[in-house]
């Protein structure tokens, strides 16, 4: 990626503000995912792709970076393996009803991560997106965040924390509280 973090955020905002959502697609790699439709959230491992008139915004796992990213490229260009499938069911169809709506506000959250640069174990720090919240013209919101969580026996995911390595949270009925670790 040759863009600075700020340039990428500006480019993403330009795409998001270019007009109504044309398409929104969830992608999954593994056979199982969490779906809490009544509560309005999903936890998936492939990513999400949102198409706008001026381009596409994807939140997906990048095998090259070994982490999740938010970029202005189709999901298939970020996640380059061919084992992802688009998710479609009646609950996701409810989320897809945001097609045709304009985004009136886009809020990005970034955190600084330290990563190993090369075989000498030299490290560098870099700002990375961990969350995008889109406010739509009908005042509804879509939260897309890279998370980790705990699972209790006979319970669902809880204790959300930001992570570039694990899964993608998509929430539509409320903004989930996520801890920075």
N, C-alpha and C. Protein backbone atom coordinates (compact mmCIF):
# COMPACT_ATOMS: atom_id res chain seq x y z
N UNK A 1 0.86 -1.17 0.00
CA UNK A 1 0.00 0.00 0.00
C UNK A 1 0.91 1.23 0.00
N UNK A 2 0.79 2.04 -1.01
CA UNK A 2 1.64 3.21 -1.15
C UNK A 2 1.02 4.47 -0.57
N UNK A 3 -0.25 4.43 -0.23
CA UNK A 3 -0.93 5.58 0.34
C UNK A 3 -0.61 5.71 1.82
N UNK A 4 -0.64 6.94 2.31
CA UNK A 4 -0.57 7.12 3.76
C UNK A 4 -1.93 6.76 4.34
N UNK A 5 -1.94 6.59 5.64
CA UNK A 5 -3.18 6.26 6.34
C UNK A 5 -4.23 7.36 6.11
N UNK A 6 -3.79 8.62 6.18
CA UNK A 6 -4.71 9.74 6.00
C UNK A 6 -5.23 9.81 4.56
N UNK A 7 -4.36 9.55 3.58
CA UNK A 7 -4.79 9.55 2.18
C UNK A 7 -5.84 8.46 1.94
N UNK A 8 -5.60 7.28 2.50
CA UNK A 8 -6.55 6.19 2.34
C UNK A 8 -7.89 6.56 2.97
N UNK A 9 -7.87 7.13 4.17
CA UNK A 9 -9.12 7.53 4.82
C UNK A 9 -9.86 8.55 3.96
N UNK A 10 -9.16 9.54 3.42
CA UNK A 10 -9.80 10.53 2.55
C UNK A 10 -10.37 9.89 1.30
N UNK A 11 -9.63 8.98 0.67
CA UNK A 11 -10.13 8.29 -0.52
C UNK A 11 -11.37 7.46 -0.20
N UNK A 12 -11.36 6.77 0.94
CA UNK A 12 -12.52 5.98 1.34
C UNK A 12 -13.73 6.87 1.58
N UNK A 13 -13.53 8.01 2.24
CA UNK A 13 -14.65 8.93 2.49
C UNK A 13 -15.20 9.49 1.18
N UNK A 14 -14.33 9.77 0.22
CA UNK A 14 -14.79 10.27 -1.08
C UNK A 14 -15.69 9.23 -1.76
N UNK A 15 -15.28 7.97 -1.71
CA UNK A 15 -16.10 6.89 -2.29
C UNK A 15 -17.42 6.78 -1.56
N UNK A 16 -17.37 6.77 -0.23
CA UNK A 16 -18.57 6.60 0.60
C UNK A 16 -19.56 7.74 0.36
N UNK A 17 -19.07 8.95 0.17
CA UNK A 17 -19.94 10.11 -0.01
C UNK A 17 -20.35 10.34 -1.47
N UNK A 18 -19.98 9.42 -2.37
CA UNK A 18 -20.25 9.62 -3.81
C UNK A 18 -21.69 9.37 -4.21
N UNK A 19 -22.48 8.82 -3.33
CA UNK A 19 -23.87 8.54 -3.66
C UNK A 19 -24.38 7.36 -2.87
N UNK A 20 -25.55 6.86 -3.22
CA UNK A 20 -26.17 5.79 -2.43
C UNK A 20 -25.41 4.46 -2.53
N UNK A 21 -25.63 3.64 -1.52
CA UNK A 21 -25.07 2.29 -1.51
C UNK A 21 -25.70 1.51 -2.66
N UNK A 22 -24.87 0.97 -3.54
CA UNK A 22 -25.36 0.17 -4.66
C UNK A 22 -25.52 -1.30 -4.29
N UNK A 23 -24.60 -1.77 -3.44
CA UNK A 23 -24.61 -3.18 -3.08
C UNK A 23 -23.85 -3.37 -1.78
N UNK A 24 -24.31 -4.30 -0.96
CA UNK A 24 -23.63 -4.65 0.29
C UNK A 24 -23.61 -6.17 0.37
N UNK A 25 -22.42 -6.76 0.49
CA UNK A 25 -22.29 -8.21 0.48
C UNK A 25 -21.41 -8.67 1.63
N UNK A 26 -21.90 -9.69 2.38
CA UNK A 26 -21.11 -10.34 3.42
C UNK A 26 -20.42 -11.54 2.79
N UNK A 27 -19.18 -11.81 3.21
CA UNK A 27 -18.44 -12.97 2.71
C UNK A 27 -17.95 -13.81 3.88
N UNK A 28 -17.96 -15.11 3.66
CA UNK A 28 -17.54 -16.07 4.68
C UNK A 28 -16.56 -17.06 4.06
N UNK A 29 -15.56 -17.48 4.85
CA UNK A 29 -14.59 -18.47 4.40
C UNK A 29 -14.91 -19.83 5.01
N UNK A 30 -15.02 -19.87 6.32
CA UNK A 30 -15.30 -21.13 7.01
C UNK A 30 -16.80 -21.41 7.04
N UNK A 31 -17.19 -22.66 7.30
CA UNK A 31 -18.61 -23.00 7.23
C UNK A 31 -19.49 -22.36 8.29
N UNK A 32 -18.92 -21.98 9.44
CA UNK A 32 -19.74 -21.47 10.54
C UNK A 32 -19.48 -20.00 10.81
N UNK A 33 -20.54 -19.30 11.18
CA UNK A 33 -20.44 -17.90 11.57
C UNK A 33 -21.53 -17.62 12.59
N UNK A 34 -21.40 -16.52 13.31
CA UNK A 34 -22.41 -16.13 14.29
C UNK A 34 -23.40 -15.19 13.63
N UNK A 35 -24.67 -15.49 13.85
CA UNK A 35 -25.73 -14.63 13.34
C UNK A 35 -26.74 -14.41 14.45
N UNK A 36 -26.86 -13.17 14.88
CA UNK A 36 -27.82 -12.78 15.91
C UNK A 36 -28.74 -11.74 15.27
N UNK A 37 -29.58 -12.19 14.38
CA UNK A 37 -30.42 -11.29 13.58
C UNK A 37 -31.35 -10.46 14.46
N UNK A 38 -31.91 -11.06 15.52
CA UNK A 38 -32.81 -10.30 16.40
C UNK A 38 -32.10 -9.15 17.08
N UNK A 39 -30.81 -9.34 17.36
CA UNK A 39 -30.00 -8.30 17.98
C UNK A 39 -29.30 -7.44 16.94
N UNK A 40 -29.38 -7.85 15.67
CA UNK A 40 -28.84 -7.04 14.58
C UNK A 40 -27.34 -7.11 14.42
N UNK A 41 -26.72 -8.29 14.69
CA UNK A 41 -25.29 -8.36 14.42
C UNK A 41 -24.86 -9.75 13.96
N UNK A 42 -23.75 -9.73 13.25
CA UNK A 42 -23.13 -10.92 12.68
C UNK A 42 -21.64 -10.87 12.97
N UNK A 43 -21.04 -12.05 13.13
CA UNK A 43 -19.59 -12.16 13.23
C UNK A 43 -19.17 -13.16 12.16
N UNK A 44 -18.42 -12.65 11.19
CA UNK A 44 -18.04 -13.45 10.03
C UNK A 44 -16.51 -13.41 9.88
N UNK A 45 -15.99 -14.28 9.02
CA UNK A 45 -14.54 -14.31 8.87
C UNK A 45 -14.04 -13.92 7.48
N UNK A 46 -14.92 -13.71 6.55
CA UNK A 46 -14.48 -13.32 5.21
C UNK A 46 -14.34 -11.82 5.06
N UNK A 47 -15.43 -11.12 5.27
CA UNK A 47 -15.40 -9.67 5.17
C UNK A 47 -16.71 -9.13 4.64
N UNK A 48 -16.68 -7.86 4.33
CA UNK A 48 -17.85 -7.18 3.79
C UNK A 48 -17.39 -6.25 2.68
N UNK A 49 -18.19 -6.17 1.64
CA UNK A 49 -17.88 -5.30 0.50
C UNK A 49 -19.09 -4.41 0.25
N UNK A 50 -18.84 -3.10 0.17
CA UNK A 50 -19.92 -2.14 -0.07
C UNK A 50 -19.58 -1.35 -1.33
N UNK A 51 -20.49 -1.41 -2.30
CA UNK A 51 -20.27 -0.71 -3.57
C UNK A 51 -21.04 0.60 -3.59
N UNK A 52 -20.33 1.64 -4.02
CA UNK A 52 -20.89 2.99 -4.16
C UNK A 52 -20.69 3.43 -5.62
N UNK A 53 -21.31 4.51 -6.04
CA UNK A 53 -21.13 4.96 -7.43
C UNK A 53 -19.67 5.19 -7.83
N UNK A 54 -18.84 5.69 -6.91
CA UNK A 54 -17.45 6.02 -7.25
C UNK A 54 -16.46 4.92 -6.93
N UNK A 55 -16.93 3.77 -6.45
CA UNK A 55 -15.99 2.70 -6.15
C UNK A 55 -16.51 1.77 -5.08
N UNK A 56 -15.58 1.05 -4.48
CA UNK A 56 -15.93 0.03 -3.50
C UNK A 56 -15.11 0.21 -2.23
N UNK A 57 -15.72 -0.12 -1.10
CA UNK A 57 -15.03 -0.13 0.19
C UNK A 57 -15.18 -1.54 0.74
N UNK A 58 -14.06 -2.17 1.06
CA UNK A 58 -14.08 -3.54 1.58
C UNK A 58 -13.34 -3.62 2.90
N UNK A 59 -13.89 -4.43 3.79
CA UNK A 59 -13.24 -4.80 5.04
C UNK A 59 -13.02 -6.30 4.94
N UNK A 60 -11.75 -6.71 4.82
CA UNK A 60 -11.47 -8.11 4.53
C UNK A 60 -10.10 -8.51 5.06
N UNK A 61 -9.88 -9.82 5.13
CA UNK A 61 -8.59 -10.34 5.55
C UNK A 61 -7.63 -10.30 4.37
N UNK A 62 -6.45 -9.74 4.61
CA UNK A 62 -5.40 -9.68 3.60
C UNK A 62 -4.35 -10.75 3.92
N UNK A 63 -4.24 -11.79 3.09
CA UNK A 63 -3.19 -12.78 3.32
C UNK A 63 -1.79 -12.17 3.23
N UNK A 64 -1.62 -11.15 2.40
CA UNK A 64 -0.31 -10.51 2.26
C UNK A 64 0.13 -9.85 3.57
N UNK A 65 -0.80 -9.17 4.25
CA UNK A 65 -0.48 -8.48 5.50
C UNK A 65 -0.77 -9.34 6.73
N UNK A 66 -1.41 -10.48 6.51
CA UNK A 66 -1.81 -11.38 7.59
C UNK A 66 -2.66 -10.67 8.63
N UNK A 67 -3.57 -9.83 8.16
CA UNK A 67 -4.47 -9.11 9.06
C UNK A 67 -5.65 -8.57 8.25
N UNK A 68 -6.64 -8.11 8.99
CA UNK A 68 -7.78 -7.47 8.35
C UNK A 68 -7.44 -6.03 7.98
N UNK A 69 -8.04 -5.56 6.89
CA UNK A 69 -7.82 -4.21 6.40
C UNK A 69 -9.14 -3.62 5.89
N UNK A 70 -9.21 -2.31 5.85
CA UNK A 70 -10.30 -1.61 5.16
C UNK A 70 -9.63 -0.87 4.02
N UNK A 71 -10.04 -1.19 2.80
CA UNK A 71 -9.40 -0.60 1.62
C UNK A 71 -10.43 -0.26 0.56
N UNK A 72 -9.99 0.50 -0.44
CA UNK A 72 -10.84 0.90 -1.56
C UNK A 72 -10.60 -0.03 -2.74
N UNK A 73 -10.73 -1.34 -2.47
CA UNK A 73 -10.59 -2.36 -3.50
C UNK A 73 -11.65 -3.43 -3.27
N UNK A 74 -12.03 -4.16 -4.31
CA UNK A 74 -12.97 -5.26 -4.12
C UNK A 74 -12.39 -6.31 -3.17
N UNK A 75 -13.26 -6.99 -2.47
CA UNK A 75 -12.81 -8.01 -1.53
C UNK A 75 -11.94 -9.06 -2.22
N UNK A 76 -12.27 -9.42 -3.44
CA UNK A 76 -11.51 -10.46 -4.15
C UNK A 76 -10.08 -10.03 -4.47
N UNK A 77 -9.81 -8.73 -4.45
CA UNK A 77 -8.43 -8.26 -4.67
C UNK A 77 -7.65 -8.20 -3.35
N UNK A 78 -8.35 -8.17 -2.24
CA UNK A 78 -7.70 -8.16 -0.93
C UNK A 78 -7.50 -9.59 -0.45
N UNK A 79 -8.60 -10.34 -0.39
CA UNK A 79 -8.55 -11.75 0.00
C UNK A 79 -8.44 -12.55 -1.30
N UNK A 80 -7.23 -12.93 -1.63
CA UNK A 80 -6.95 -13.46 -2.97
C UNK A 80 -7.17 -14.97 -3.10
N UNK A 81 -7.54 -15.65 -2.05
CA UNK A 81 -7.87 -17.08 -2.16
C UNK A 81 -9.27 -17.20 -2.73
N UNK A 82 -9.57 -18.32 -3.33
CA UNK A 82 -10.88 -18.48 -3.97
C UNK A 82 -11.85 -19.31 -3.13
N UNK A 83 -11.69 -19.32 -1.82
CA UNK A 83 -12.56 -20.13 -0.97
C UNK A 83 -13.59 -19.32 -0.19
N UNK A 84 -13.87 -18.09 -0.60
CA UNK A 84 -14.89 -17.30 0.09
C UNK A 84 -16.20 -17.37 -0.68
N UNK A 85 -17.29 -17.30 0.08
CA UNK A 85 -18.62 -17.33 -0.53
C UNK A 85 -19.43 -16.15 0.00
N UNK A 86 -20.30 -15.64 -0.84
CA UNK A 86 -21.21 -14.57 -0.43
C UNK A 86 -22.32 -15.19 0.41
N UNK A 87 -22.64 -14.56 1.52
CA UNK A 87 -23.71 -15.05 2.40
C UNK A 87 -25.03 -14.40 2.01
N UNK A 88 -26.04 -15.23 1.89
CA UNK A 88 -27.39 -14.73 1.60
C UNK A 88 -28.38 -15.55 2.40
N UNK A 89 -29.18 -14.89 3.19
CA UNK A 89 -30.34 -15.51 3.83
C UNK A 89 -31.32 -14.39 4.14
N UNK A 90 -32.45 -14.74 4.70
CA UNK A 90 -33.48 -13.70 4.90
C UNK A 90 -33.04 -12.64 5.92
N UNK A 91 -32.20 -13.01 6.88
CA UNK A 91 -31.74 -12.03 7.86
C UNK A 91 -30.76 -11.04 7.23
N UNK A 92 -29.85 -11.54 6.44
CA UNK A 92 -28.90 -10.67 5.75
C UNK A 92 -29.63 -9.82 4.72
N UNK A 93 -30.69 -10.37 4.14
CA UNK A 93 -31.49 -9.60 3.18
C UNK A 93 -32.05 -8.34 3.83
N UNK A 94 -32.34 -8.39 5.13
CA UNK A 94 -32.80 -7.19 5.85
C UNK A 94 -31.73 -6.10 5.84
N UNK A 95 -30.47 -6.50 6.03
CA UNK A 95 -29.37 -5.55 6.01
C UNK A 95 -29.18 -4.98 4.60
N UNK A 96 -29.37 -5.84 3.62
CA UNK A 96 -29.19 -5.42 2.23
C UNK A 96 -30.22 -4.38 1.79
N UNK A 97 -31.24 -4.14 2.62
CA UNK A 97 -32.24 -3.12 2.31
C UNK A 97 -31.67 -1.71 2.39
N UNK A 98 -30.44 -1.59 2.85
CA UNK A 98 -29.81 -0.26 2.90
C UNK A 98 -29.38 0.19 1.51
N UNK A 99 -29.49 -0.69 0.52
CA UNK A 99 -29.20 -0.28 -0.87
C UNK A 99 -30.07 0.91 -1.22
N UNK A 100 -29.45 1.85 -1.91
CA UNK A 100 -30.19 3.04 -2.33
C UNK A 100 -30.14 4.17 -1.32
N UNK A 101 -29.61 3.90 -0.13
CA UNK A 101 -29.50 4.94 0.89
C UNK A 101 -28.13 5.61 0.83
N UNK A 102 -28.12 6.90 1.08
CA UNK A 102 -26.86 7.64 1.15
C UNK A 102 -26.28 7.55 2.55
N UNK A 103 -24.97 7.61 2.62
CA UNK A 103 -24.26 7.68 3.89
C UNK A 103 -24.07 9.16 4.21
N UNK A 104 -24.57 9.59 5.37
CA UNK A 104 -24.42 11.01 5.73
C UNK A 104 -23.21 11.25 6.62
N UNK A 105 -22.66 10.18 7.20
CA UNK A 105 -21.46 10.33 8.03
C UNK A 105 -20.71 9.00 8.06
N UNK A 106 -19.40 9.08 7.97
CA UNK A 106 -18.54 7.90 8.07
C UNK A 106 -17.47 8.18 9.12
N UNK A 107 -17.42 7.35 10.14
CA UNK A 107 -16.43 7.52 11.21
C UNK A 107 -15.50 6.32 11.23
N UNK A 108 -14.21 6.60 11.08
CA UNK A 108 -13.19 5.56 11.14
C UNK A 108 -12.54 5.59 12.52
N UNK A 109 -12.20 4.41 13.02
CA UNK A 109 -11.39 4.32 14.24
C UNK A 109 -10.11 3.60 13.86
N UNK A 110 -9.00 4.15 14.28
CA UNK A 110 -7.68 3.58 14.02
C UNK A 110 -6.96 3.36 15.33
N UNK A 111 -6.12 2.35 15.35
CA UNK A 111 -5.24 2.09 16.48
C UNK A 111 -3.84 1.86 15.96
N UNK A 112 -2.88 2.08 16.83
CA UNK A 112 -1.49 1.85 16.44
C UNK A 112 -1.12 0.40 16.79
N UNK A 113 -0.55 -0.30 15.81
CA UNK A 113 -0.13 -1.68 16.00
C UNK A 113 1.36 -1.79 15.71
N UNK A 114 2.00 -2.65 16.47
CA UNK A 114 3.41 -2.94 16.25
C UNK A 114 3.49 -4.27 15.52
N UNK A 115 4.31 -4.31 14.49
CA UNK A 115 4.44 -5.54 13.73
C UNK A 115 5.90 -5.81 13.40
N UNK A 116 6.19 -7.07 13.14
CA UNK A 116 7.55 -7.49 12.80
C UNK A 116 7.79 -7.20 11.32
N UNK A 117 8.88 -6.51 11.02
CA UNK A 117 9.18 -6.06 9.67
C UNK A 117 9.92 -7.12 8.86
N UNK A 118 10.88 -7.79 9.49
CA UNK A 118 11.69 -8.74 8.72
C UNK A 118 12.23 -9.84 9.63
N UNK A 119 13.07 -10.68 9.07
CA UNK A 119 13.60 -11.84 9.77
C UNK A 119 14.47 -11.49 10.97
N UNK A 120 14.94 -10.24 11.05
CA UNK A 120 15.74 -9.83 12.20
C UNK A 120 14.87 -9.52 13.41
N UNK A 121 13.57 -9.62 13.22
CA UNK A 121 12.58 -9.35 14.26
C UNK A 121 12.49 -7.86 14.59
N UNK A 122 12.98 -7.02 13.68
CA UNK A 122 12.83 -5.57 13.83
C UNK A 122 11.34 -5.24 13.75
N UNK A 123 10.89 -4.31 14.58
CA UNK A 123 9.47 -3.96 14.58
C UNK A 123 9.27 -2.50 14.19
N UNK A 124 8.08 -2.22 13.71
CA UNK A 124 7.65 -0.85 13.42
C UNK A 124 6.21 -0.71 13.89
N UNK A 125 5.81 0.54 14.10
CA UNK A 125 4.43 0.82 14.48
C UNK A 125 3.71 1.44 13.30
N UNK A 126 2.42 1.12 13.21
CA UNK A 126 1.63 1.62 12.09
C UNK A 126 0.19 1.82 12.54
N UNK A 127 -0.43 2.90 12.07
CA UNK A 127 -1.85 3.14 12.31
C UNK A 127 -2.65 2.23 11.37
N UNK A 128 -3.64 1.54 11.92
CA UNK A 128 -4.49 0.67 11.10
C UNK A 128 -5.95 0.88 11.49
N UNK A 129 -6.82 0.82 10.50
CA UNK A 129 -8.25 0.92 10.76
C UNK A 129 -8.72 -0.34 11.49
N UNK A 130 -9.55 -0.14 12.52
CA UNK A 130 -10.15 -1.26 13.23
C UNK A 130 -11.67 -1.19 13.20
N UNK A 131 -12.21 -0.04 12.77
CA UNK A 131 -13.67 0.11 12.76
C UNK A 131 -14.09 1.20 11.79
N UNK A 132 -15.26 0.96 11.18
CA UNK A 132 -15.93 1.95 10.34
C UNK A 132 -17.40 1.94 10.73
N UNK A 133 -17.92 3.12 11.06
CA UNK A 133 -19.34 3.25 11.36
C UNK A 133 -19.95 4.18 10.31
N UNK A 134 -20.94 3.67 9.61
CA UNK A 134 -21.64 4.44 8.58
C UNK A 134 -23.01 4.84 9.11
N UNK A 135 -23.30 6.14 9.08
CA UNK A 135 -24.63 6.62 9.43
C UNK A 135 -25.37 6.89 8.13
N UNK A 136 -26.53 6.25 7.98
CA UNK A 136 -27.29 6.37 6.74
C UNK A 136 -28.33 7.48 6.83
N UNK A 137 -28.86 7.86 5.68
CA UNK A 137 -29.80 8.98 5.62
C UNK A 137 -31.06 8.73 6.44
N UNK A 138 -31.42 7.48 6.70
CA UNK A 138 -32.58 7.18 7.53
C UNK A 138 -32.23 7.11 9.02
N UNK A 139 -31.00 7.56 9.36
CA UNK A 139 -30.46 7.63 10.73
C UNK A 139 -30.05 6.26 11.29
N UNK A 140 -30.18 5.20 10.51
CA UNK A 140 -29.67 3.91 10.97
C UNK A 140 -28.15 3.90 10.80
N UNK A 141 -27.50 2.95 11.47
CA UNK A 141 -26.04 2.85 11.41
C UNK A 141 -25.61 1.43 11.10
N UNK A 142 -24.47 1.33 10.45
CA UNK A 142 -23.82 0.05 10.21
C UNK A 142 -22.42 0.13 10.81
N UNK A 143 -22.15 -0.74 11.76
CA UNK A 143 -20.83 -0.82 12.39
C UNK A 143 -20.08 -2.01 11.80
N UNK A 144 -18.88 -1.76 11.31
CA UNK A 144 -18.01 -2.82 10.80
C UNK A 144 -16.72 -2.72 11.61
N UNK A 145 -16.37 -3.78 12.32
CA UNK A 145 -15.20 -3.73 13.19
C UNK A 145 -14.45 -5.06 13.17
N UNK A 146 -13.15 -4.99 13.35
CA UNK A 146 -12.31 -6.18 13.45
C UNK A 146 -12.16 -6.51 14.92
N UNK A 147 -12.57 -7.72 15.30
CA UNK A 147 -12.70 -8.02 16.73
C UNK A 147 -12.13 -9.39 17.12
N UNK A 148 -11.96 -9.51 18.41
CA UNK A 148 -11.78 -10.77 19.11
C UNK A 148 -12.85 -10.76 20.20
N UNK A 149 -13.10 -11.88 20.82
CA UNK A 149 -14.14 -11.97 21.85
C UNK A 149 -13.93 -13.23 22.66
N UNK A 150 -14.69 -13.34 23.74
CA UNK A 150 -14.69 -14.58 24.52
C UNK A 150 -16.04 -15.26 24.32
N UNK A 151 -16.02 -16.56 24.49
CA UNK A 151 -17.25 -17.35 24.42
C UNK A 151 -17.46 -18.03 25.76
N UNK A 152 -18.62 -17.85 26.32
CA UNK A 152 -18.98 -18.56 27.53
C UNK A 152 -19.73 -19.82 27.14
N UNK A 153 -19.64 -20.85 27.98
CA UNK A 153 -20.37 -22.08 27.70
C UNK A 153 -21.86 -21.77 27.62
N UNK A 154 -22.49 -22.26 26.59
CA UNK A 154 -23.92 -22.05 26.34
C UNK A 154 -24.28 -20.57 26.18
N UNK A 155 -23.32 -19.77 25.73
CA UNK A 155 -23.59 -18.35 25.52
C UNK A 155 -22.98 -17.89 24.21
N UNK A 156 -23.27 -16.68 23.88
CA UNK A 156 -22.74 -16.10 22.66
C UNK A 156 -21.46 -15.32 22.92
N UNK A 157 -20.94 -14.70 21.89
CA UNK A 157 -19.72 -13.90 22.03
C UNK A 157 -19.95 -12.71 22.97
N UNK A 158 -18.92 -12.39 23.74
CA UNK A 158 -18.97 -11.23 24.63
C UNK A 158 -17.56 -10.72 24.83
N UNK A 159 -17.43 -9.63 25.57
CA UNK A 159 -16.12 -9.02 25.84
C UNK A 159 -15.36 -8.73 24.55
N UNK A 160 -15.98 -7.97 23.67
CA UNK A 160 -15.37 -7.64 22.39
C UNK A 160 -14.14 -6.76 22.58
N UNK A 161 -13.09 -7.06 21.82
CA UNK A 161 -11.90 -6.21 21.79
C UNK A 161 -11.45 -6.10 20.33
N UNK A 162 -10.80 -4.99 20.01
CA UNK A 162 -10.31 -4.80 18.64
C UNK A 162 -9.16 -5.76 18.37
N UNK A 163 -9.18 -6.36 17.18
CA UNK A 163 -8.11 -7.26 16.76
C UNK A 163 -8.08 -7.29 15.25
N UNK A 164 -6.90 -7.21 14.67
CA UNK A 164 -6.76 -7.29 13.22
C UNK A 164 -6.67 -8.73 12.73
N UNK A 165 -6.73 -9.69 13.64
CA UNK A 165 -6.42 -11.07 13.29
C UNK A 165 -7.61 -12.02 13.26
N UNK A 166 -8.74 -11.72 13.88
CA UNK A 166 -9.72 -12.76 14.14
C UNK A 166 -10.96 -12.76 13.26
N UNK A 167 -11.88 -11.83 13.48
CA UNK A 167 -13.13 -11.86 12.72
C UNK A 167 -13.68 -10.45 12.53
N UNK A 168 -14.76 -10.38 11.75
CA UNK A 168 -15.40 -9.11 11.44
C UNK A 168 -16.78 -9.07 12.09
N UNK A 169 -17.03 -8.01 12.84
CA UNK A 169 -18.34 -7.76 13.42
C UNK A 169 -19.08 -6.80 12.51
N UNK A 170 -20.32 -7.13 12.21
CA UNK A 170 -21.20 -6.21 11.48
C UNK A 170 -22.44 -6.05 12.34
N UNK A 171 -22.71 -4.83 12.78
CA UNK A 171 -23.84 -4.58 13.65
C UNK A 171 -24.71 -3.48 13.05
N UNK A 172 -26.03 -3.69 13.11
CA UNK A 172 -26.94 -2.73 12.49
C UNK A 172 -27.97 -2.15 13.45
N UNK A 173 -28.21 -2.76 14.58
CA UNK A 173 -29.23 -2.25 15.49
C UNK A 173 -28.64 -1.39 16.61
N UNK A 174 -27.36 -1.60 16.89
CA UNK A 174 -26.71 -0.79 17.92
C UNK A 174 -25.20 -0.83 17.66
N UNK A 175 -24.53 0.17 18.18
CA UNK A 175 -23.08 0.19 18.09
C UNK A 175 -22.55 -0.60 19.28
N UNK A 176 -21.87 -1.68 19.00
CA UNK A 176 -21.35 -2.55 20.06
C UNK A 176 -20.14 -1.89 20.73
N UNK A 177 -20.06 -2.03 22.03
CA UNK A 177 -18.91 -1.54 22.78
C UNK A 177 -17.75 -2.48 22.54
N UNK A 178 -16.62 -1.93 22.15
CA UNK A 178 -15.42 -2.73 21.86
C UNK A 178 -14.25 -2.11 22.60
N UNK A 179 -13.52 -2.92 23.32
CA UNK A 179 -12.38 -2.46 24.09
C UNK A 179 -11.14 -2.35 23.21
N UNK A 180 -10.33 -1.36 23.46
CA UNK A 180 -9.02 -1.25 22.83
C UNK A 180 -8.03 -1.96 23.74
N UNK A 181 -7.28 -2.88 23.19
CA UNK A 181 -6.29 -3.60 24.02
C UNK A 181 -4.89 -3.31 23.56
